[in-house]
Amino acid sequence: MNVFVPAPYLERVTRLALGFEPLDAVLGGRLAHPVRMEVEGALPRVKIDRHDSCLHVLLYQPSLADEAVVRIRTRDLMYAPRRLRIPLLTVEEAETRPYTHRVRRPVLFPGAAYDATGGSTGLRGRVMRDGSPMRWARVEARLPGGGPLIGRAHGDARGEFLLLLASPPAPAPELTDPFDVQVAVFGPADAPEPGTPDLPSRDDLWDLPVETLAAPGDPDPTAAGETLPDDYVEGPSRVVPFRLGRVLSGVDDFEFV
């Protein structure tokens, strides 16, 4: 049955299921760098179109149910990838809810190739587990003694992370150079095991944790990267002397035990 035109006419109606505005965790604004977004499921995966405005659009289609698992990644390690389970409104629900309930703003964190500015303060590090790089680590930075959170990072498949501190990380008069930062690393309580021996060769994101976003319209700290995946626990923690306006490298690996 046609919705907008008489029956003798052919009609094709498209409706927005999800609109995405990926954000940069450091700069805070909309990503200008291209990212690839796709819906998991039967192969080939459903690609989420990117518009010239840097927004991404997923339309309602028969393959979508009450939720979608979306992958976000770049080909050049500019940002760490994410997998997000996103609750969907039905077409009928969408017609009675504000359009903002179909908009998601996932935050992406710097990857190894992120273009850190000359005045950035941060740390390039690596997390190891049982002698091998630990994939998909999470990292938090605080001022020692229970101080405020001043930085977050998402690790990549090689165990590497780029932790950039908020600017300024604390009231400037209180800082010396160097200044101490408590760096804590988080990871899965048990190392994931592939379901089949060939899974890692078929899917390079097979063990990337799936994070469930909030219901449509609700505050969403998970999309903002402020919550840990469900099975993640705290591992090593260390005080690292940071230098203002420098990104440190060559620091000893964090051994996740």
Protein backbone atom coordinates (compact mmCIF):
# COMPACT_ATOMS: atom_id res chain seq x y z
CA MET A 1 0.00 0.00 0.00
CA ASN A 2 1.36 3.39 -0.97
CA VAL A 3 1.76 5.92 1.82
CA PHE A 4 2.07 9.26 0.04
CA VAL A 5 0.93 8.81 -3.59
CA PRO A 6 -2.03 7.07 -5.28
CA ALA A 7 -1.83 3.32 -5.84
CA PRO A 8 -1.11 3.50 -9.63
CA TYR A 9 2.27 5.13 -8.86
CA LEU A 10 5.41 3.36 -7.75
CA GLU A 11 6.57 4.50 -4.33
CA ARG A 12 9.78 3.93 -2.42
CA VAL A 13 9.97 5.38 1.11
CA THR A 14 13.20 5.47 3.12
CA ARG A 15 13.27 6.22 6.83
CA LEU A 16 16.17 6.98 9.12
CA ALA A 17 16.95 4.19 11.59
CA LEU A 18 20.13 5.71 13.02
CA GLY A 19 22.11 8.85 12.39
CA PHE A 20 25.72 8.95 13.61
CA GLU A 21 27.89 11.91 14.51
CA PRO A 22 31.24 10.40 15.58
CA LEU A 23 33.19 12.68 17.91
CA ASP A 24 36.89 13.09 18.64
CA ALA A 25 37.70 12.28 22.28
CA VAL A 26 40.49 14.87 22.41
CA LEU A 27 39.15 17.74 20.32
CA GLY A 28 35.54 17.15 21.31
CA GLY A 29 34.01 18.01 17.93
CA ARG A 30 32.75 16.12 14.91
CA LEU A 31 35.26 13.86 13.14
CA ALA A 32 36.51 15.22 9.84
CA HIS A 33 38.72 12.17 9.25
CA PRO A 34 36.85 9.41 7.36
CA VAL A 35 35.86 6.33 9.35
CA ARG A 36 34.25 3.12 8.14
CA MET A 37 30.99 2.09 9.80
CA GLU A 38 29.12 -1.16 9.15
CA VAL A 39 26.46 -3.35 10.73
CA GLU A 40 27.47 -6.85 11.82
CA GLY A 41 25.44 -9.79 10.58
CA ALA A 42 25.30 -11.87 7.45
CA LEU A 43 28.13 -11.20 5.03
CA PRO A 44 28.62 -8.86 3.30
CA ARG A 45 28.07 -6.51 6.22
CA VAL A 46 25.69 -3.59 5.76
CA LYS A 47 27.74 -0.44 5.17
CA ILE A 48 26.59 2.75 6.88
CA ASP A 49 26.81 5.59 4.38
CA ARG A 50 28.94 8.65 5.11
CA HIS A 51 27.71 12.03 3.93
CA ASP A 52 29.86 15.00 2.98
CA SER A 53 28.88 16.58 6.30
CA CYS A 54 30.87 13.79 8.07
CA LEU A 55 27.61 12.33 9.38
CA HIS A 56 26.68 8.69 8.81
CA VAL A 57 23.21 7.37 8.04
CA LEU A 58 21.61 3.94 8.47
CA LEU A 59 18.16 3.50 6.94
CA TYR A 60 15.49 1.06 8.02
CA GLN A 61 15.70 -2.20 6.08
CA PRO A 62 14.35 -5.74 6.50
CA SER A 63 17.63 -7.06 7.95
CA LEU A 64 17.39 -4.75 10.98
CA ALA A 65 15.65 -6.06 14.11
CA ASP A 66 15.38 -4.40 17.51
CA GLU A 67 19.10 -3.71 17.74
CA ALA A 68 22.19 -3.39 15.58
CA VAL A 69 25.85 -4.13 16.34
CA VAL A 70 27.89 -1.45 14.61
CA ARG A 71 31.62 -1.49 13.93
CA ILE A 72 33.57 1.75 13.64
CA ARG A 73 37.13 1.72 12.39
CA THR A 74 39.73 3.47 10.25
CA ARG A 75 42.20 1.92 7.83
CA ASP A 76 45.14 4.03 9.02
CA LEU A 77 45.09 3.57 12.84
CA MET A 78 44.00 7.18 13.30
CA TYR A 79 41.40 6.06 15.86
CA ALA A 80 40.96 2.93 17.97
CA PRO A 81 38.03 0.83 16.68
CA ARG A 82 34.78 0.26 18.58
CA ARG A 83 31.89 -2.23 18.44
CA LEU A 84 28.58 -0.89 19.72
CA ARG A 85 25.30 -2.71 20.32
CA ILE A 86 22.62 -0.08 19.70
CA PRO A 87 18.92 -0.47 20.58
CA LEU A 88 16.64 0.57 17.70
CA LEU A 89 13.23 2.17 17.63
CA THR A 90 10.62 0.53 15.43
CA VAL A 91 9.33 2.53 12.47
CA GLU A 92 6.12 3.17 14.41
CA GLU A 93 7.99 4.32 17.52
CA ALA A 94 10.23 6.58 15.45
CA GLU A 95 7.21 8.45 14.11
CA THR A 96 6.15 9.47 17.64
CA ARG A 97 9.58 10.22 19.17
CA PRO A 98 11.91 13.21 18.63
CA TYR A 99 14.40 12.65 15.81
CA THR A 100 17.21 13.11 18.35
CA HIS A 101 16.34 9.68 19.77
CA ARG A 102 17.70 8.20 16.54
CA VAL A 103 20.98 10.12 16.70
CA ARG A 104 24.08 8.58 18.28
CA ARG A 105 27.34 10.33 19.02
CA PRO A 106 30.02 7.68 19.63
CA VAL A 107 33.34 9.03 20.83
CA LEU A 108 36.50 7.69 19.20
CA PHE A 109 39.86 7.74 20.94
CA PRO A 110 43.28 8.38 19.38
CA GLY A 111 45.05 5.50 17.68
CA ALA A 112 48.75 5.07 16.98
CA ALA A 113 48.60 7.33 13.90
CA TYR A 114 46.60 10.11 15.56
CA ASP A 115 47.92 13.57 14.68
CA ALA A 116 48.78 14.90 18.13
CA THR A 117 49.55 18.60 18.06
CA GLY A 118 52.92 19.97 19.09
CA GLY A 119 51.56 21.18 22.43
CA SER A 120 49.94 17.88 23.45
CA THR A 121 50.79 16.26 26.77
CA GLY A 122 50.56 12.49 26.77
CA LEU A 123 52.04 9.02 26.70
CA ARG A 124 52.54 6.35 24.06
CA GLY A 125 52.57 2.97 25.77
CA ARG A 126 51.98 -0.74 25.34
CA VAL A 127 50.19 -3.35 27.45
CA MET A 128 51.45 -6.94 27.57
CA ARG A 129 49.77 -10.11 28.83
CA ASP A 130 51.54 -13.45 29.18
CA GLY A 131 54.35 -12.22 26.97
CA SER A 132 52.12 -10.99 24.12
CA PRO A 133 50.50 -7.64 23.37
CA MET A 134 47.11 -7.36 25.07
CA ARG A 135 44.49 -6.32 22.55
CA TRP A 136 41.92 -3.58 23.22
CA ALA A 137 43.21 -2.31 26.57
CA ARG A 138 41.56 0.65 28.28
CA VAL A 139 43.65 3.26 30.08
CA GLU A 140 42.76 5.98 32.57
CA ALA A 141 44.91 8.80 33.94
CA ARG A 142 44.38 10.60 37.24
CA LEU A 143 46.36 12.93 39.40
CA PRO A 144 47.86 10.90 42.29
CA GLY A 145 46.08 10.61 45.62
CA GLY A 146 42.60 10.06 44.25
CA GLY A 147 42.70 13.10 41.99
CA PRO A 148 40.31 13.79 39.13
CA LEU A 149 40.28 11.87 35.86
CA ILE A 150 42.38 13.79 33.34
CA GLY A 151 42.59 11.40 30.38
CA ARG A 152 41.34 8.18 28.78
CA ALA A 153 42.72 5.96 26.03
CA HIS A 154 41.60 2.91 24.05
CA GLY A 155 44.28 0.41 23.07
CA ASP A 156 44.56 -1.25 19.67
CA ALA A 157 45.12 -4.81 18.42
CA ARG A 158 48.89 -4.46 18.94
CA GLY A 159 48.52 -3.58 22.62
CA GLU A 160 49.51 0.04 21.94
CA PHE A 161 47.72 3.13 23.20
CA LEU A 162 48.05 6.89 22.89
CA LEU A 163 46.98 8.64 26.09
CA LEU A 164 46.49 12.39 25.68
CA LEU A 165 45.66 14.45 28.74
CA ALA A 166 42.92 17.03 28.96
CA SER A 167 44.11 20.58 28.45
CA PRO A 168 44.82 21.90 30.93
CA PRO A 169 45.06 18.70 33.01
CA ALA A 170 44.72 20.70 36.25
CA PRO A 171 44.83 24.36 37.31
CA ALA A 172 48.08 25.51 35.76
CA PRO A 173 49.54 27.16 38.89
CA GLU A 174 49.39 23.80 40.70
CA LEU A 175 51.51 21.97 38.13
CA THR A 176 55.24 21.53 38.05
CA ASP A 177 57.17 20.15 35.10
CA PRO A 178 57.47 17.20 35.17
CA PHE A 179 54.28 16.28 37.07
CA ASP A 180 53.15 12.87 38.26
CA VAL A 181 50.16 11.06 36.75
CA GLN A 182 48.63 7.80 37.99
CA VAL A 183 48.12 5.63 34.90
CA ALA A 184 45.84 2.58 35.29
CA VAL A 185 45.26 -0.15 32.72
CA PHE A 186 42.10 -2.25 32.32
CA GLY A 187 41.41 -5.42 30.35
CA PRO A 188 39.26 -8.56 30.25
CA ALA A 189 39.42 -10.72 33.37
CA ASP A 190 40.09 -13.75 31.15
CA ALA A 191 41.91 -13.62 27.86
CA PRO A 192 39.36 -14.26 25.06
CA GLU A 193 39.61 -17.46 23.04
CA PRO A 194 38.49 -17.68 19.39
CA GLY A 195 35.51 -19.93 18.72
CA THR A 196 37.37 -21.55 15.81
CA PRO A 197 41.11 -21.65 15.04
CA ASP A 198 40.68 -19.64 11.83
CA LEU A 199 38.51 -16.90 13.35
CA PRO A 200 41.37 -14.40 13.94
CA SER A 201 42.44 -14.72 10.28
CA ARG A 202 38.87 -14.20 9.05
CA ASP A 203 37.96 -11.35 11.38
CA ASP A 204 40.61 -9.04 12.79
CA LEU A 205 38.08 -7.55 15.26
CA TRP A 206 36.78 -10.89 16.55
CA ASP A 207 37.65 -10.14 20.19
CA LEU A 208 36.93 -6.41 20.25
CA PRO A 209 34.43 -6.05 23.12
CA VAL A 210 30.82 -5.22 22.23
CA GLU A 211 29.54 -2.27 24.27
CA THR A 212 25.79 -1.81 24.74
CA LEU A 213 24.58 1.76 24.39
CA ALA A 214 21.75 3.30 26.37
CA ALA A 215 18.12 3.19 25.29
CA PRO A 216 17.14 5.80 22.67
CA GLY A 217 16.92 9.25 24.23
CA ASP A 218 18.68 8.34 27.50
CA PRO A 219 22.04 9.77 28.66
CA ASP A 220 24.75 7.56 27.20
CA PRO A 221 28.09 7.40 29.05
CA THR A 222 29.00 4.24 27.10
CA ALA A 223 28.85 6.04 23.76
CA ALA A 224 31.07 8.71 25.34
CA GLY A 225 33.64 6.04 26.25
CA GLU A 226 33.21 6.70 29.98
CA THR A 227 32.37 3.11 30.97
CA LEU A 228 34.41 -0.07 30.71
CA PRO A 229 33.25 -3.18 28.84
CA ASP A 230 31.34 -5.57 31.10
CA ASP A 231 34.14 -8.08 31.77
CA TYR A 232 36.99 -5.59 32.15
CA VAL A 233 38.92 -5.40 35.42
CA GLU A 234 41.71 -3.15 36.65
CA GLY A 235 45.22 -4.38 36.06
CA PRO A 236 48.52 -2.59 36.59
CA SER A 237 48.71 0.97 37.83
CA ARG A 238 51.81 3.14 37.81
CA VAL A 239 52.86 6.72 38.52
CA VAL A 240 54.45 8.22 35.41
CA PRO A 241 56.19 11.62 35.34
CA PHE A 242 54.63 13.54 32.44
CA ARG A 243 56.21 16.53 30.70
CA LEU A 244 54.03 19.49 29.77
CA GLY A 245 53.67 19.84 26.01
CA ARG A 246 55.36 16.51 25.24
CA VAL A 247 54.12 13.04 24.30
CA LEU A 248 56.32 10.51 26.08
CA SER A 249 57.41 7.25 24.48
CA GLY A 250 59.81 4.49 25.42
CA VAL A 251 58.17 3.94 28.84
CA ASP A 252 58.32 0.37 30.13
CA ASP A 253 55.42 -1.85 29.07
CA PHE A 254 52.46 -2.30 31.39
CA GLU A 255 52.27 -6.00 32.31
CA PHE A 256 48.64 -7.02 32.75
CA VAL A 257 48.41 -9.68 35.46
